[in-house]
C-alpha cells in the first residue's frame, strides 16, 4: 500500500457514516421503486409511440396514393395538386416526428 491509500483509509475511518433521518432508507427505497415504475411506463409509451408512428405512416401513404387517383377538382384545384401539397406536408411532419422518436428511443435506451 502506498501512502495515498493509507491516508485515504485513515480519513475514511474518521468520517462516520450516519443516516441523516430515521426514515431515510425507507424514503430512498420508495424513490427507487418509483423510478422503476416510471421506467416501465416510459418503455410502454415508447413502444406505443412506435406503433402509432408506423400505423399513421402507413395510413398516410395509403390515403395519399388513393387520393392521387381521383380526377376531380375541389375549389378549382385538382385533387392531384392538393394531394401533392398534402404529401409534402406529410413528409415534413414524418421526418420531424421520426427524428424526435429516434431521439426519445436513444435517450431511453441509454438511461
N, C-alpha and C. Protein backbone atom coordinates (compact mmCIF):
# COMPACT_ATOMS: atom_id res chain seq x y z
N UNK A 1 0.82 -1.18 0.00
CA UNK A 1 0.00 0.00 0.00
C UNK A 1 0.87 1.25 0.00
N UNK A 2 0.46 2.17 -0.80
CA UNK A 2 1.25 3.41 -0.82
C UNK A 2 0.67 4.41 0.18
N UNK A 3 1.31 5.52 0.31
CA UNK A 3 0.93 6.50 1.33
C UNK A 3 -0.43 7.14 1.04
N UNK A 4 -0.76 7.31 -0.23
CA UNK A 4 -2.06 7.90 -0.57
C UNK A 4 -3.20 7.00 -0.11
N UNK A 5 -3.07 5.72 -0.34
CA UNK A 5 -4.13 4.78 0.08
C UNK A 5 -4.27 4.76 1.59
N UNK A 6 -3.16 4.79 2.29
CA UNK A 6 -3.21 4.82 3.76
C UNK A 6 -3.87 6.10 4.26
N UNK A 7 -3.54 7.21 3.63
CA UNK A 7 -4.13 8.50 4.01
C UNK A 7 -5.64 8.48 3.76
N UNK A 8 -6.05 7.94 2.63
CA UNK A 8 -7.48 7.87 2.32
C UNK A 8 -8.19 6.97 3.31
N UNK A 9 -7.61 5.84 3.65
CA UNK A 9 -8.23 4.94 4.64
C UNK A 9 -8.34 5.60 6.01
N UNK A 10 -7.34 6.33 6.38
CA UNK A 10 -7.37 7.00 7.68
C UNK A 10 -8.47 8.07 7.69
N UNK A 11 -8.59 8.83 6.62
CA UNK A 11 -9.62 9.87 6.55
C UNK A 11 -11.00 9.23 6.54
N UNK A 12 -11.17 8.16 5.79
CA UNK A 12 -12.47 7.49 5.72
C UNK A 12 -12.86 6.88 7.06
N UNK A 13 -11.90 6.36 7.81
CA UNK A 13 -12.22 5.77 9.10
C UNK A 13 -12.66 6.81 10.12
N UNK A 14 -12.22 8.04 9.95
CA UNK A 14 -12.59 9.10 10.88
C UNK A 14 -13.92 9.75 10.54
N UNK A 15 -14.44 9.52 9.34
CA UNK A 15 -15.72 10.11 8.97
C UNK A 15 -16.81 9.06 9.13
N UNK A 16 -17.60 9.18 10.17
CA UNK A 16 -18.66 8.20 10.39
C UNK A 16 -19.79 8.35 9.37
N UNK A 17 -20.33 7.24 8.96
CA UNK A 17 -21.44 7.25 8.01
C UNK A 17 -22.74 7.20 8.79
N UNK A 18 -23.31 8.35 8.99
CA UNK A 18 -24.56 8.42 9.73
C UNK A 18 -25.72 8.65 8.77
N UNK A 19 -26.84 8.07 9.09
CA UNK A 19 -28.04 8.28 8.30
C UNK A 19 -28.68 9.57 8.81
N UNK A 20 -28.95 10.52 7.92
CA UNK A 20 -29.42 11.83 8.36
C UNK A 20 -30.80 11.82 9.03
N UNK A 21 -31.69 10.91 8.60
CA UNK A 21 -33.03 10.86 9.16
C UNK A 21 -33.37 9.41 9.49
N UNK A 22 -34.34 9.22 10.38
CA UNK A 22 -34.73 7.87 10.76
C UNK A 22 -35.34 7.10 9.59
N UNK A 23 -36.13 7.78 8.79
CA UNK A 23 -36.81 7.11 7.67
C UNK A 23 -36.10 7.33 6.34
N UNK A 24 -34.81 7.64 6.38
CA UNK A 24 -34.04 7.91 5.18
C UNK A 24 -34.02 6.70 4.25
N UNK A 25 -33.78 5.54 4.80
CA UNK A 25 -33.70 4.32 3.99
C UNK A 25 -35.04 4.01 3.33
N UNK A 26 -36.12 4.18 4.07
CA UNK A 26 -37.44 3.91 3.51
C UNK A 26 -37.77 4.89 2.38
N UNK A 27 -37.44 6.15 2.57
CA UNK A 27 -37.69 7.15 1.52
C UNK A 27 -36.85 6.86 0.28
N UNK A 28 -35.61 6.45 0.50
CA UNK A 28 -34.73 6.13 -0.62
C UNK A 28 -35.25 4.92 -1.40
N UNK A 29 -35.68 3.89 -0.69
CA UNK A 29 -36.22 2.70 -1.36
C UNK A 29 -37.51 3.03 -2.11
N UNK A 30 -38.34 3.89 -1.55
CA UNK A 30 -39.57 4.31 -2.22
C UNK A 30 -39.24 5.09 -3.50
N UNK A 31 -38.23 5.92 -3.42
CA UNK A 31 -37.81 6.67 -4.60
C UNK A 31 -37.29 5.73 -5.68
N UNK A 32 -36.56 4.70 -5.30
CA UNK A 32 -36.05 3.71 -6.26
C UNK A 32 -37.21 2.96 -6.89
N UNK A 33 -38.21 2.57 -6.10
CA UNK A 33 -39.39 1.88 -6.64
C UNK A 33 -40.15 2.77 -7.63
N UNK A 34 -40.30 4.04 -7.27
CA UNK A 34 -40.99 4.98 -8.17
C UNK A 34 -40.23 5.14 -9.48
N UNK A 35 -38.92 5.21 -9.42
CA UNK A 35 -38.11 5.32 -10.64
C UNK A 35 -38.27 4.07 -11.50
N UNK A 36 -38.33 2.89 -10.89
CA UNK A 36 -38.50 1.65 -11.64
C UNK A 36 -39.88 1.62 -12.32
N UNK A 37 -40.92 2.05 -11.61
CA UNK A 37 -42.26 2.11 -12.20
C UNK A 37 -42.30 3.13 -13.34
N UNK A 38 -41.67 4.27 -13.13
CA UNK A 38 -41.63 5.31 -14.16
C UNK A 38 -40.91 4.80 -15.41
N UNK A 39 -39.86 4.03 -15.20
CA UNK A 39 -39.11 3.47 -16.32
C UNK A 39 -39.96 2.49 -17.12
N UNK A 40 -40.75 1.67 -16.44
CA UNK A 40 -41.63 0.72 -17.12
C UNK A 40 -42.70 1.46 -17.92
N UNK A 41 -43.25 2.53 -17.34
CA UNK A 41 -44.26 3.32 -18.04
C UNK A 41 -43.66 3.98 -19.28
N UNK A 42 -42.44 4.49 -19.16
CA UNK A 42 -41.78 5.11 -20.31
C UNK A 42 -41.55 4.10 -21.42
N UNK A 43 -41.12 2.90 -21.07
CA UNK A 43 -40.90 1.86 -22.07
C UNK A 43 -42.19 1.54 -22.81
N UNK A 44 -43.28 1.43 -22.07
CA UNK A 44 -44.58 1.16 -22.69
C UNK A 44 -44.98 2.29 -23.62
N UNK A 45 -44.78 3.53 -23.20
CA UNK A 45 -45.15 4.68 -24.02
C UNK A 45 -44.29 4.79 -25.28
N UNK A 46 -43.01 4.45 -25.18
CA UNK A 46 -42.14 4.48 -26.35
C UNK A 46 -42.59 3.42 -27.36
N UNK A 47 -42.94 2.24 -26.86
CA UNK A 47 -43.42 1.19 -27.76
C UNK A 47 -44.73 1.60 -28.44
N UNK A 48 -45.64 2.19 -27.68
CA UNK A 48 -46.89 2.68 -28.27
C UNK A 48 -46.63 3.78 -29.29
N UNK A 49 -45.69 4.64 -29.01
CA UNK A 49 -45.34 5.71 -29.94
C UNK A 49 -44.85 5.13 -31.27
N UNK A 50 -44.01 4.11 -31.20
CA UNK A 50 -43.54 3.47 -32.42
C UNK A 50 -44.69 2.82 -33.18
N UNK A 51 -45.59 2.17 -32.47
CA UNK A 51 -46.73 1.52 -33.12
C UNK A 51 -47.57 2.55 -33.86
N UNK A 52 -47.94 3.63 -33.19
CA UNK A 52 -48.79 4.63 -33.81
C UNK A 52 -48.05 5.41 -34.90
N UNK A 53 -46.75 5.56 -34.76
CA UNK A 53 -45.96 6.20 -35.81
C UNK A 53 -46.01 5.38 -37.09
N UNK A 54 -45.76 4.08 -36.97
CA UNK A 54 -45.79 3.20 -38.15
C UNK A 54 -47.21 3.11 -38.71
N UNK A 55 -48.21 2.97 -37.84
CA UNK A 55 -49.61 2.89 -38.32
C UNK A 55 -50.02 4.17 -39.03
N UNK A 56 -49.67 5.32 -38.48
CA UNK A 56 -50.00 6.59 -39.10
C UNK A 56 -49.28 6.80 -40.42
N UNK A 57 -48.03 6.37 -40.47
CA UNK A 57 -47.27 6.47 -41.72
C UNK A 57 -47.91 5.63 -42.82
N UNK A 58 -48.23 4.38 -42.48
CA UNK A 58 -48.86 3.51 -43.48
C UNK A 58 -50.22 4.04 -43.92
N UNK A 59 -51.01 4.52 -42.98
CA UNK A 59 -52.31 5.08 -43.31
C UNK A 59 -52.16 6.33 -44.19
N UNK A 60 -51.21 7.17 -43.89
CA UNK A 60 -50.97 8.37 -44.69
C UNK A 60 -50.55 8.03 -46.11
N UNK A 61 -49.67 7.05 -46.24
CA UNK A 61 -49.24 6.62 -47.58
C UNK A 61 -50.42 6.04 -48.35
N UNK A 62 -51.20 5.22 -47.69
CA UNK A 62 -52.35 4.59 -48.33
C UNK A 62 -53.37 5.63 -48.79
N UNK A 63 -53.72 6.56 -47.91
CA UNK A 63 -54.70 7.59 -48.27
C UNK A 63 -54.20 8.52 -49.39
N UNK A 64 -52.93 8.88 -49.33
CA UNK A 64 -52.41 9.78 -50.37
C UNK A 64 -52.32 9.07 -51.72
N UNK A 65 -52.04 7.77 -51.72
CA UNK A 65 -52.00 7.05 -53.00
C UNK A 65 -53.40 6.92 -53.60
N UNK A 66 -54.41 6.71 -52.75
CA UNK A 66 -55.79 6.65 -53.25
C UNK A 66 -56.28 8.03 -53.71
N UNK A 67 -55.90 9.06 -53.00
CA UNK A 67 -56.34 10.41 -53.37
C UNK A 67 -55.71 10.85 -54.68
N UNK A 68 -54.52 10.36 -54.98
CA UNK A 68 -53.86 10.72 -56.22
C UNK A 68 -54.53 10.14 -57.45
N UNK A 69 -55.38 9.15 -57.28
CA UNK A 69 -56.05 8.51 -58.41
C UNK A 69 -57.39 9.17 -58.77
N UNK A 70 -57.82 10.11 -57.96
CA UNK A 70 -59.10 10.78 -58.21
C UNK A 70 -58.90 11.92 -59.20
N UNK A 71 -59.75 12.01 -60.19
CA UNK A 71 -59.66 13.07 -61.20
C UNK A 71 -60.80 14.07 -61.02
N UNK A 72 -60.82 14.76 -59.93
CA UNK A 72 -61.85 15.75 -59.62
C UNK A 72 -61.17 17.08 -59.30
N UNK A 73 -61.97 18.11 -59.13
CA UNK A 73 -61.46 19.40 -58.68
C UNK A 73 -62.20 19.82 -57.41
N UNK A 74 -61.47 20.44 -56.53
CA UNK A 74 -62.04 20.95 -55.28
C UNK A 74 -61.68 22.43 -55.21
N UNK A 75 -62.69 23.29 -55.18
CA UNK A 75 -62.50 24.74 -55.16
C UNK A 75 -61.59 25.22 -56.29
N UNK A 76 -61.69 24.58 -57.42
CA UNK A 76 -60.91 24.99 -58.58
C UNK A 76 -59.51 24.40 -58.64
N UNK A 77 -59.12 23.61 -57.67
CA UNK A 77 -57.80 22.96 -57.67
C UNK A 77 -57.98 21.48 -57.95
N UNK A 78 -57.08 20.92 -58.73
CA UNK A 78 -57.17 19.48 -59.00
C UNK A 78 -56.76 18.71 -57.74
N UNK A 79 -57.33 17.54 -57.60
CA UNK A 79 -57.03 16.71 -56.42
C UNK A 79 -55.56 16.31 -56.41
N UNK A 80 -54.96 16.12 -57.60
CA UNK A 80 -53.54 15.76 -57.65
C UNK A 80 -52.66 16.87 -57.07
N UNK A 81 -53.03 18.13 -57.35
CA UNK A 81 -52.24 19.25 -56.82
C UNK A 81 -52.40 19.34 -55.29
N UNK A 82 -53.62 19.18 -54.81
CA UNK A 82 -53.87 19.19 -53.37
C UNK A 82 -53.16 18.02 -52.70
N UNK A 83 -53.21 16.86 -53.35
CA UNK A 83 -52.54 15.67 -52.81
C UNK A 83 -51.04 15.89 -52.73
N UNK A 84 -50.47 16.55 -53.74
CA UNK A 84 -49.03 16.83 -53.72
C UNK A 84 -48.66 17.72 -52.54
N UNK A 85 -49.43 18.76 -52.30
CA UNK A 85 -49.17 19.67 -51.17
C UNK A 85 -49.29 18.92 -49.85
N UNK A 86 -50.33 18.10 -49.74
CA UNK A 86 -50.52 17.31 -48.51
C UNK A 86 -49.37 16.32 -48.33
N UNK A 87 -48.89 15.72 -49.41
CA UNK A 87 -47.78 14.79 -49.31
C UNK A 87 -46.49 15.46 -48.86
N UNK A 88 -46.25 16.67 -49.34
CA UNK A 88 -45.06 17.41 -48.91
C UNK A 88 -45.15 17.72 -47.42
N UNK A 89 -46.30 18.17 -46.97
CA UNK A 89 -46.50 18.45 -45.54
C UNK A 89 -46.37 17.15 -44.74
N UNK A 90 -46.92 16.07 -45.25
CA UNK A 90 -46.84 14.78 -44.60
C UNK A 90 -45.39 14.32 -44.43
N UNK A 91 -44.58 14.50 -45.47
CA UNK A 91 -43.17 14.09 -45.40
C UNK A 91 -42.41 14.92 -44.38
N UNK A 92 -42.68 16.22 -44.34
CA UNK A 92 -42.01 17.08 -43.36
C UNK A 92 -42.38 16.66 -41.94
N UNK A 93 -43.65 16.45 -41.69
CA UNK A 93 -44.10 16.02 -40.36
C UNK A 93 -43.53 14.64 -40.04
N UNK A 94 -43.51 13.76 -41.01
CA UNK A 94 -42.97 12.41 -40.81
C UNK A 94 -41.50 12.46 -40.39
N UNK A 95 -40.71 13.27 -41.08
CA UNK A 95 -39.29 13.36 -40.75
C UNK A 95 -39.05 13.98 -39.38
N UNK A 96 -39.81 15.00 -39.04
CA UNK A 96 -39.66 15.63 -37.73
C UNK A 96 -40.03 14.65 -36.61
N UNK A 97 -41.15 13.96 -36.79
CA UNK A 97 -41.58 13.01 -35.77
C UNK A 97 -40.64 11.82 -35.68
N UNK A 98 -40.12 11.36 -36.82
CA UNK A 98 -39.17 10.25 -36.80
C UNK A 98 -37.91 10.65 -36.03
N UNK A 99 -37.43 11.87 -36.27
CA UNK A 99 -36.25 12.35 -35.56
C UNK A 99 -36.50 12.40 -34.05
N UNK A 100 -37.65 12.92 -33.66
CA UNK A 100 -37.98 13.00 -32.23
C UNK A 100 -38.12 11.62 -31.61
N UNK A 101 -38.73 10.70 -32.34
CA UNK A 101 -38.93 9.35 -31.81
C UNK A 101 -37.61 8.60 -31.70
N UNK A 102 -36.73 8.77 -32.69
CA UNK A 102 -35.41 8.14 -32.58
C UNK A 102 -34.63 8.72 -31.41
N UNK A 103 -34.71 10.03 -31.21
CA UNK A 103 -34.04 10.66 -30.08
C UNK A 103 -34.59 10.17 -28.75
N UNK A 104 -35.90 10.04 -28.67
CA UNK A 104 -36.52 9.54 -27.44
C UNK A 104 -36.12 8.10 -27.16
N UNK A 105 -36.10 7.28 -28.20
CA UNK A 105 -35.72 5.88 -28.04
C UNK A 105 -34.26 5.78 -27.61
N UNK A 106 -33.41 6.57 -28.23
CA UNK A 106 -31.98 6.55 -27.88
C UNK A 106 -31.78 7.03 -26.44
N UNK A 107 -32.48 8.08 -26.06
CA UNK A 107 -32.37 8.62 -24.70
C UNK A 107 -32.84 7.59 -23.68
N UNK A 108 -33.95 6.93 -23.98
CA UNK A 108 -34.48 5.94 -23.05
C UNK A 108 -33.61 4.70 -23.00
N UNK A 109 -33.03 4.32 -24.12
CA UNK A 109 -32.23 3.10 -24.19
C UNK A 109 -30.97 3.22 -23.34
N UNK A 110 -30.34 4.40 -23.33
CA UNK A 110 -29.09 4.59 -22.60
C UNK A 110 -29.28 5.19 -21.24
N UNK A 111 -30.47 5.14 -20.74
CA UNK A 111 -30.78 5.73 -19.44
C UNK A 111 -30.35 4.85 -18.32
